[in-house]
Each structure stands twice: as C-alpha cells, then as structure tokens.
C-alpha cells in the first residue's frame, strides 16, 4: 500500500516544483527510481509473507504477534509515511527531522521486537527471505526518500 499511495501522490502533485518531475526521460529524480524498485521488492516480500502465513500456517499467529505487527505498522509505518510526505512538500523540511527520527526509532524497535520475539525461532529460510525482502526493501526505499528530502 505505501508504494501505491506514494505513486498516486506523485501523480496528484506532479506539477509541484519541489518534486523535480520532468517531461522527458528519466522523468523522476534517481531517488524516486530507487524508491520504486525497492518498494516493489518490499511489497513482494510482504505479499509472499502474507501468502505463506495464509497457506502453510493457516494464519495461526498469536494475538501478541498480531498486536506487535499492527503497532509497528500503525504507530510506526503510517506516521512515518505522513511525516516524510509532509517534509518533502514543505519549504523547510528540517522542521520535520526530529519527529521523523523519533518515529524511525520507534519503528525500528517495533520491527526488531517482532522479528526477535516471534520470528527468530519459528521462521524457516523461506519466510526469513520474505521478511528480509520486506524490511530491507522498505529500509532502502526510506533511505532514498530521506536523501531526496534532506540532502
């Protein structure tokens, strides 16, 4: 969903000068290409992990694990996306830097908690690959977005 929302927002705000969207190839700044590539990798990892949980595991996740994943997404991922978009569109993005870093630290802790408490012992090689695709894909996409905004 974040990759689709990002693409949709780029289309809606395509004429905003801060985005540097061009009429000729390569159209977008290089950071957006990295976001797109690694966003697709992260999305594929998430979908494959969801399918894995649905078929072999029959969605047998504990309430604590579901709550941890919901907290990471709802209290970390969603606010991060909003803060990053607002920073990107703002004339002074550094005003968003501290809130972004606070949410980043929370998100990292929440993801690590989920991985080390619930997945470390249970996951096999295949599910671990899906998790790495999801986490590293999102991480690289985020770093590229951060670079576009603040560098």
C-alpha atoms as a PDB file:
ATOM      1  CA  UNK A   1       0.000   0.000   0.000  1.00  0.00           C
ATOM      2  CA  UNK A   2       2.705   2.602   0.742  1.00  0.00           C
ATOM      3  CA  UNK A   3       4.211   2.136  -2.720  1.00  0.00           C
ATOM      4  CA  UNK A   4       0.827   2.619  -4.389  1.00  0.00           C
ATOM      5  CA  UNK A   5      -0.005   5.630  -2.228  1.00  0.00           C
ATOM      6  CA  UNK A   6       3.395   7.160  -2.985  1.00  0.00           C
ATOM      7  CA  UNK A   7       2.866   6.703  -6.740  1.00  0.00           C
ATOM      8  CA  UNK A   8      -0.651   8.137  -6.513  1.00  0.00           C
ATOM      9  CA  UNK A   9       0.569  11.188  -4.588  1.00  0.00           C
ATOM     10  CA  UNK A  10       3.337  11.718  -7.161  1.00  0.00           C
ATOM     11  CA  UNK A  11       0.715  11.734  -9.897  1.00  0.00           C
ATOM     12  CA  UNK A  12      -1.546  14.130  -7.982  1.00  0.00           C
ATOM     13  CA  UNK A  13       1.330  16.519  -7.184  1.00  0.00           C
ATOM     14  CA  UNK A  14       3.302  16.004 -10.430  1.00  0.00           C
ATOM     15  CA  UNK A  15       3.334  19.737 -11.196  1.00  0.00           C
ATOM     16  CA  UNK A  16       4.772  20.715  -7.800  1.00  0.00           C
ATOM     17  CA  UNK A  17       8.225  22.194  -8.432  1.00  0.00           C
ATOM     18  CA  UNK A  18       9.784  20.616  -5.350  1.00  0.00           C
ATOM     19  CA  UNK A  19       9.391  17.119  -6.841  1.00  0.00           C
ATOM     20  CA  UNK A  20      11.543  17.885  -9.915  1.00  0.00           C
ATOM     21  CA  UNK A  21       9.399  15.734 -12.194  1.00  0.00           C
ATOM     22  CA  UNK A  22      10.455  16.212 -15.832  1.00  0.00           C
ATOM     23  CA  UNK A  23       8.574  15.777 -19.085  1.00  0.00           C
ATOM     24  CA  UNK A  24      11.350  13.652 -20.617  1.00  0.00           C
ATOM     25  CA  UNK A  25      13.202  10.516 -19.527  1.00  0.00           C
ATOM     26  CA  UNK A  26      14.230   9.806 -16.774  1.00  0.00           C
ATOM     27  CA  UNK A  27      11.138  11.787 -15.652  1.00  0.00           C
ATOM     28  CA  UNK A  28      11.832  11.361 -11.934  1.00  0.00           C
ATOM     29  CA  UNK A  29      14.840  12.062  -9.704  1.00  0.00           C
ATOM     30  CA  UNK A  30      17.040   8.988  -9.191  1.00  0.00           C
ATOM     31  CA  UNK A  31      15.857   8.648  -5.570  1.00  0.00           C
ATOM     32  CA  UNK A  32      12.301   8.003  -6.762  1.00  0.00           C
ATOM     33  CA  UNK A  33      13.533   5.211  -9.041  1.00  0.00           C
ATOM     34  CA  UNK A  34      15.262   3.596  -6.044  1.00  0.00           C
ATOM     35  CA  UNK A  35      12.064   4.027  -4.003  1.00  0.00           C
ATOM     36  CA  UNK A  36      10.111   2.341  -6.808  1.00  0.00           C
ATOM     37  CA  UNK A  37      12.482  -0.591  -7.233  1.00  0.00           C
ATOM     38  CA  UNK A  38      12.896  -1.341  -3.536  1.00  0.00           C
ATOM     39  CA  UNK A  39       9.259  -0.548  -2.818  1.00  0.00           C
ATOM     40  CA  UNK A  40       8.322  -3.310  -5.265  1.00  0.00           C
ATOM     41  CA  UNK A  41      10.774  -5.688  -3.562  1.00  0.00           C
ATOM     42  CA  UNK A  42       9.305  -4.817  -0.135  1.00  0.00           C
ATOM     43  CA  UNK A  43       5.746  -5.200  -1.402  1.00  0.00           C
ATOM     44  CA  UNK A  44       6.574  -8.563  -2.986  1.00  0.00           C
ATOM     45  CA  UNK A  45       8.142  -9.711   0.299  1.00  0.00           C
ATOM     46  CA  UNK A  46       5.059  -8.601   2.214  1.00  0.00           C
ATOM     47  CA  UNK A  47       2.646 -10.317  -0.169  1.00  0.00           C
ATOM     48  CA  UNK A  48       4.700 -13.520  -0.205  1.00  0.00           C
ATOM     49  CA  UNK A  49       4.926 -13.490   3.595  1.00  0.00           C
ATOM     50  CA  UNK A  50       1.166 -12.950   3.852  1.00  0.00           C
ATOM     51  CA  UNK A  51       0.556 -15.855   1.446  1.00  0.00           C
ATOM     52  CA  UNK A  52       2.935 -18.009   3.462  1.00  0.00           C
ATOM     53  CA  UNK A  53       1.083 -17.189   6.663  1.00  0.00           C
ATOM     54  CA  UNK A  54      -2.190 -17.889   4.921  1.00  0.00           C
ATOM     55  CA  UNK A  55      -1.366 -21.273   3.368  1.00  0.00           C
ATOM     56  CA  UNK A  56       1.122 -23.334   5.403  1.00  0.00           C
ATOM     57  CA  UNK A  57       0.388 -21.613   8.711  1.00  0.00           C
ATOM     58  CA  UNK A  58      -3.371 -21.039   8.191  1.00  0.00           C
ATOM     59  CA  UNK A  59      -2.874 -17.592   9.778  1.00  0.00           C
ATOM     60  CA  UNK A  60      -2.060 -19.123  13.154  1.00  0.00           C
ATOM     61  CA  UNK A  61      -0.466 -16.088  14.742  1.00  0.00           C
ATOM     62  CA  UNK A  62      -0.725 -15.265  18.403  1.00  0.00           C
ATOM     63  CA  UNK A  63      -2.631 -12.171  19.495  1.00  0.00           C
ATOM     64  CA  UNK A  64       0.637 -10.724  20.823  1.00  0.00           C
ATOM     65  CA  UNK A  65       2.298 -11.145  17.416  1.00  0.00           C
ATOM     66  CA  UNK A  66      -0.652  -9.592  15.567  1.00  0.00           C
ATOM     67  CA  UNK A  67      -0.644  -6.691  18.042  1.00  0.00           C
ATOM     68  CA  UNK A  68       3.120  -6.185  17.644  1.00  0.00           C
ATOM     69  CA  UNK A  69       2.854  -6.125  13.849  1.00  0.00           C
ATOM     70  CA  UNK A  70      -0.143  -3.769  13.991  1.00  0.00           C
ATOM     71  CA  UNK A  71       1.765  -1.440  16.334  1.00  0.00           C
ATOM     72  CA  UNK A  72       4.790  -1.403  14.039  1.00  0.00           C
ATOM     73  CA  UNK A  73       2.623  -0.562  11.048  1.00  0.00           C
ATOM     74  CA  UNK A  74       0.022   1.700  12.651  1.00  0.00           C
ATOM     75  CA  UNK A  75       2.225   3.609  15.092  1.00  0.00           C
ATOM     76  CA  UNK A  76       5.412   3.475  13.027  1.00  0.00           C
ATOM     77  CA  UNK A  77       4.913   2.985   9.313  1.00  0.00           C
ATOM     78  CA  UNK A  78       1.818   5.113   8.802  1.00  0.00           C
ATOM     79  CA  UNK A  79       3.007   8.181  10.770  1.00  0.00           C
ATOM     80  CA  UNK A  80       6.414   7.847   9.092  1.00  0.00           C
ATOM     81  CA  UNK A  81       4.845   7.972   5.639  1.00  0.00           C
ATOM     82  CA  UNK A  82       2.793  11.048   6.552  1.00  0.00           C
ATOM     83  CA  UNK A  83       5.760  12.848   8.136  1.00  0.00           C
ATOM     84  CA  UNK A  84       8.029  12.068   5.192  1.00  0.00           C
ATOM     85  CA  UNK A  85       5.453  13.293   2.676  1.00  0.00           C
ATOM     86  CA  UNK A  86       4.847  16.481   4.643  1.00  0.00           C
ATOM     87  CA  UNK A  87       8.594  17.096   4.954  1.00  0.00           C
ATOM     88  CA  UNK A  88       9.080  16.540   1.232  1.00  0.00           C
ATOM     89  CA  UNK A  89       6.363  19.017   0.313  1.00  0.00           C
ATOM     90  CA  UNK A  90       7.353  21.647   2.914  1.00  0.00           C
ATOM     91  CA  UNK A  91       9.646  24.594   2.160  1.00  0.00           C
ATOM     92  CA  UNK A  92      11.596  23.864   5.379  1.00  0.00           C
ATOM     93  CA  UNK A  93      11.721  20.066   5.725  1.00  0.00           C
ATOM     94  CA  UNK A  94      14.167  20.209   8.622  1.00  0.00           C
ATOM     95  CA  UNK A  95      11.225  21.158  10.858  1.00  0.00           C
ATOM     96  CA  UNK A  96      10.106  17.530  10.485  1.00  0.00           C
ATOM     97  CA  UNK A  97      13.503  15.968  11.155  1.00  0.00           C
ATOM     98  CA  UNK A  98      13.123  15.329  14.914  1.00  0.00           C
ATOM     99  CA  UNK A  99       9.605  13.817  14.637  1.00  0.00           C
ATOM    100  CA  UNK A 100      10.809  11.647  11.750  1.00  0.00           C
ATOM    101  CA  UNK A 101      13.763  10.392  13.772  1.00  0.00           C
ATOM    102  CA  UNK A 102      11.562   9.676  16.823  1.00  0.00           C
ATOM    103  CA  UNK A 103       9.109   7.674  14.692  1.00  0.00           C
ATOM    104  CA  UNK A 104      12.041   5.949  12.961  1.00  0.00           C
ATOM    105  CA  UNK A 105      13.487   4.793  16.287  1.00  0.00           C
ATOM    106  CA  UNK A 106      10.078   3.540  17.442  1.00  0.00           C
ATOM    107  CA  UNK A 107       9.537   1.703  14.145  1.00  0.00           C
ATOM    108  CA  UNK A 108      12.941   0.028  14.283  1.00  0.00           C
ATOM    109  CA  UNK A 109      12.324  -1.103  17.869  1.00  0.00           C
ATOM    110  CA  UNK A 110       8.855  -2.430  16.960  1.00  0.00           C
ATOM    111  CA  UNK A 111      10.191  -4.344  13.941  1.00  0.00           C
ATOM    112  CA  UNK A 112      13.086  -5.775  15.943  1.00  0.00           C
ATOM    113  CA  UNK A 113      10.702  -6.827  18.707  1.00  0.00           C
ATOM    114  CA  UNK A 114       8.508  -8.632  16.191  1.00  0.00           C
ATOM    115  CA  UNK A 115      11.463 -10.293  14.465  1.00  0.00           C
ATOM    116  CA  UNK A 116      13.406 -11.332  17.574  1.00  0.00           C
ATOM    117  CA  UNK A 117      10.489 -12.339  19.790  1.00  0.00           C
ATOM    118  CA  UNK A 118       8.133 -14.014  17.323  1.00  0.00           C
ATOM    119  CA  UNK A 119      10.112 -14.919  14.220  1.00  0.00           C
ATOM    120  CA  UNK A 120      13.605 -15.812  15.360  1.00  0.00           C
ATOM    121  CA  UNK A 121      12.816 -19.380  16.388  1.00  0.00           C
ATOM    122  CA  UNK A 122       9.758 -20.119  14.267  1.00  0.00           C
ATOM    123  CA  UNK A 123      10.748 -18.927  10.811  1.00  0.00           C
ATOM    124  CA  UNK A 124      12.407 -21.132   8.269  1.00  0.00           C
ATOM    125  CA  UNK A 125      14.670 -19.989   5.444  1.00  0.00           C
ATOM    126  CA  UNK A 126      11.863 -19.091   3.051  1.00  0.00           C
ATOM    127  CA  UNK A 127       9.912 -16.952   5.499  1.00  0.00           C
ATOM    128  CA  UNK A 128      13.150 -15.269   6.606  1.00  0.00           C
ATOM    129  CA  UNK A 129      13.818 -14.315   2.980  1.00  0.00           C
ATOM    130  CA  UNK A 130      10.345 -12.767   2.743  1.00  0.00           C
ATOM    131  CA  UNK A 131      10.940 -10.786   5.935  1.00  0.00           C
ATOM    132  CA  UNK A 132      14.309  -9.564   4.678  1.00  0.00           C
ATOM    133  CA  UNK A 133      12.761  -8.503   1.382  1.00  0.00           C
ATOM    134  CA  UNK A 134      10.112  -6.568   3.299  1.00  0.00           C
ATOM    135  CA  UNK A 135      12.360  -4.946   5.891  1.00  0.00           C
ATOM    136  CA  UNK A 136      15.405  -4.229   3.719  1.00  0.00           C
ATOM    137  CA  UNK A 137      13.295  -3.124   0.746  1.00  0.00           C
ATOM    138  CA  UNK A 138      11.416  -0.647   2.914  1.00  0.00           C
ATOM    139  CA  UNK A 139      14.637   0.462   4.605  1.00  0.00           C
ATOM    140  CA  UNK A 140      16.438   1.214   1.349  1.00  0.00           C
ATOM    141  CA  UNK A 141      13.372   2.950  -0.090  1.00  0.00           C
ATOM    142  CA  UNK A 142      13.119   5.066   3.071  1.00  0.00           C
ATOM    143  CA  UNK A 143      16.825   5.987   2.956  1.00  0.00           C
ATOM    144  CA  UNK A 144      16.445   7.081  -0.651  1.00  0.00           C
ATOM    145  CA  UNK A 145      13.410   9.189   0.230  1.00  0.00           C
ATOM    146  CA  UNK A 146      15.273  10.675   3.186  1.00  0.00           C
ATOM    147  CA  UNK A 147      18.165  11.542   0.845  1.00  0.00           C
ATOM    148  CA  UNK A 148      15.827  13.277  -1.586  1.00  0.00           C
ATOM    149  CA  UNK A 149      14.290  15.379   1.179  1.00  0.00           C
ATOM    150  CA  UNK A 150      17.302  16.304   3.297  1.00  0.00           C
ATOM    151  CA  UNK A 151      20.397  16.078   1.072  1.00  0.00           C
END
